[in-house]
Protein backbone atom coordinates (compact mmCIF):
# COMPACT_ATOMS: atom_id res chain seq x y z
CA MET A 1 25.87 -9.76 30.30
CA SER A 2 25.03 -6.83 28.02
CA ASP A 3 22.01 -6.72 25.77
CA GLU A 4 24.23 -6.62 22.67
CA ILE A 5 25.88 -9.90 23.62
CA ASN A 6 22.73 -11.88 24.40
CA GLY A 7 20.76 -10.46 21.45
CA ARG A 8 18.03 -8.90 23.57
CA PRO A 9 17.17 -5.44 22.39
CA PRO A 10 17.67 -2.53 24.77
CA VAL A 11 14.79 -0.35 25.90
CA SER A 12 15.79 2.17 23.23
CA PHE A 13 14.94 -0.42 20.56
CA TRP A 14 11.32 -0.55 21.75
CA ILE A 15 11.15 3.23 21.86
CA VAL A 16 12.56 3.67 18.35
CA ALA A 17 10.34 0.88 16.95
CA GLY A 18 7.30 2.47 18.62
CA VAL A 19 8.18 5.87 17.18
CA ALA A 20 8.61 4.25 13.75
CA LEU A 21 5.12 2.77 14.04
CA ALA A 22 3.60 6.09 15.13
CA TRP A 23 5.45 7.92 12.33
CA ASN A 24 4.25 5.50 9.68
CA LEU A 25 0.69 5.44 11.03
CA ILE A 26 0.64 9.23 10.63
CA GLY A 27 1.75 8.75 7.02
CA LEU A 28 -0.98 6.17 6.44
CA PHE A 29 -3.52 8.55 7.98
CA MET A 30 -2.32 11.30 5.62
CA TYR A 31 -2.73 8.97 2.66
CA TYR A 32 -6.29 8.01 3.63
CA SER A 33 -7.16 11.61 4.45
CA GLY A 34 -6.13 12.62 0.96
CA VAL A 35 -7.76 9.85 -1.03
CA GLY A 36 -10.86 9.81 1.16
CA ALA A 37 -11.54 13.53 0.99
CA THR A 38 -14.39 14.78 -1.14
CA PRO A 39 -13.73 17.39 -3.82
CA GLU A 40 -15.54 19.94 -1.63
CA GLN A 41 -13.26 19.17 1.32
CA LEU A 42 -10.15 19.49 -0.84
CA GLN A 43 -11.36 22.75 -2.41
CA ALA A 44 -11.95 24.20 1.06
CA VAL A 45 -8.31 23.56 2.01
CA TYR A 46 -6.37 24.10 -1.22
CA SER A 47 -6.17 26.91 -3.76
CA PRO A 48 -7.71 26.25 -7.18
CA GLU A 49 -4.21 25.67 -8.62
CA GLN A 50 -3.32 23.22 -5.83
CA TYR A 51 -6.64 21.40 -6.19
CA ALA A 52 -6.07 21.05 -9.95
CA ALA A 53 -2.60 19.61 -9.28
CA ILE A 54 -4.05 17.10 -6.81
CA GLU A 55 -6.73 16.07 -9.29
CA ALA A 56 -4.11 15.68 -12.04
CA THR A 57 -1.89 13.40 -9.96
CA PRO A 58 -1.42 10.13 -11.87
CA LEU A 59 -2.64 6.88 -10.35
CA TRP A 60 0.90 5.49 -10.21
CA VAL A 61 1.93 8.34 -7.89
CA THR A 62 -1.06 7.77 -5.60
CA SER A 63 -0.25 4.05 -5.67
CA ALA A 64 3.36 4.76 -4.70
CA PHE A 65 2.08 6.83 -1.76
CA ALA A 66 -0.18 3.95 -0.71
CA ILE A 67 2.67 1.44 -0.96
CA ALA A 68 5.12 3.67 0.91
CA THR A 69 2.78 4.24 3.83
CA THR A 70 1.34 0.72 4.02
CA PHE A 71 4.74 -0.96 3.85
CA GLY A 72 6.08 1.52 6.41
CA VAL A 73 3.38 0.51 8.89
CA ILE A 74 3.87 -3.19 8.20
CA ALA A 75 7.65 -2.82 8.51
CA SER A 76 7.25 -1.07 11.86
CA ILE A 77 5.01 -3.85 13.18
CA VAL A 78 7.45 -6.47 11.91
CA LEU A 79 10.27 -4.57 13.62
CA LEU A 80 8.32 -4.65 16.88
CA LEU A 81 7.92 -8.41 16.35
CA ARG A 82 11.73 -8.56 16.06
CA LYS A 83 11.82 -9.98 12.55
CA ALA A 84 14.63 -9.18 10.11
CA LEU A 85 12.06 -8.85 7.32
CA ALA A 86 11.49 -5.32 8.68
CA PHE A 87 14.63 -4.15 6.88
CA LEU A 88 13.38 -5.28 3.46
CA LEU A 89 9.91 -3.85 4.09
CA PHE A 90 11.40 -0.47 5.04
CA VAL A 91 13.43 -0.55 1.81
CA VAL A 92 10.29 -1.24 -0.26
CA SER A 93 8.53 1.63 1.52
CA PHE A 94 11.48 3.93 0.78
CA VAL A 95 11.63 2.97 -2.90
CA ALA A 96 7.92 3.79 -3.21
CA LEU A 97 8.63 7.15 -1.55
CA LEU A 98 11.37 7.82 -4.11
CA ILE A 99 8.92 7.06 -6.93
CA GLN A 100 6.44 9.50 -5.44
CA ASP A 101 9.16 12.12 -5.03
CA LEU A 102 10.29 11.59 -8.63
CA TYR A 103 6.90 12.85 -9.73
CA LEU A 104 6.59 15.60 -7.14
CA PHE A 105 10.00 17.16 -7.76
CA LEU A 106 10.97 16.25 -11.32
CA LEU A 107 7.89 15.39 -13.38
CA SER A 108 5.43 18.01 -12.14
CA ASP A 109 5.30 21.60 -10.94
CA SER A 110 4.33 20.51 -7.43
CA LEU A 111 7.10 22.43 -5.72
CA ALA A 112 6.10 25.67 -7.44
CA ILE A 113 2.41 25.04 -6.73
CA PHE A 114 2.65 23.91 -3.09
CA GLY A 115 5.74 25.86 -2.09
CA SER A 116 8.45 25.11 0.42
CA SER A 117 6.08 23.23 2.73
CA LEU A 118 6.14 20.35 0.23
CA LEU A 119 9.93 20.28 0.41
CA VAL A 120 9.86 20.31 4.22
CA ILE A 121 7.27 17.54 4.45
CA GLN A 122 8.79 15.29 1.81
CA GLY A 123 12.30 16.01 3.11
CA SER A 124 11.23 14.96 6.60
CA VAL A 125 9.65 11.78 5.25
CA PHE A 126 12.82 11.05 3.27
CA VAL A 127 15.01 11.48 6.35
CA GLY A 128 12.61 9.33 8.38
CA GLY A 129 12.79 6.60 5.75
CA VAL A 130 16.58 6.62 5.83
CA ILE A 131 16.54 6.42 9.62
CA TRP A 132 14.13 3.43 9.68
CA ILE A 133 16.24 1.52 7.14
CA TRP A 134 19.44 2.31 9.04
CA TYR A 135 17.93 1.32 12.37
CA ALA A 136 16.46 -1.95 11.09
CA ASN A 137 19.87 -2.80 9.67
CA LEU A 138 21.53 -1.91 12.98
CA ALA A 139 19.04 -4.06 14.88
CA ARG A 140 19.67 -6.95 12.49
CA ASN A 141 23.43 -6.62 12.82
CA ARG A 142 23.23 -6.56 16.61
CA GLY A 143 20.97 -9.59 16.71
CA TRP A 144 17.96 -7.77 18.10
CA ILE A 145 15.88 -8.94 15.15
CA GLY A 146 16.28 -12.19 13.27
């Protein structure tokens, strides 16, 4: 009997769910590294223009970043626990990412200030978010999570 018929997830499910958790933990680490850094630490890494942009970032954008990363980690854990709620949690995480990106790419000069690296990083996170939503939906449809 195949894994798809009996609802047991294949080994690849555990690998993908583990990668999702690692990916989202990295995001959470990046969030805490940013909000936990002292002004001196930030000034040592960023140009004066970049530091000013970071300091001017509205609280709602920082909150969206916190929500995106926290819900991504929780969604990954829930996926590993084989619960269908993972899909909804990944969607919430992705919506928060879109809110953050709205500011970064449309409401501020972040792209001009931080350059193409911002586009690469945020683009990668966007693609990752789409993949986690798609995979959680696939797992739900195949009965691997419920």
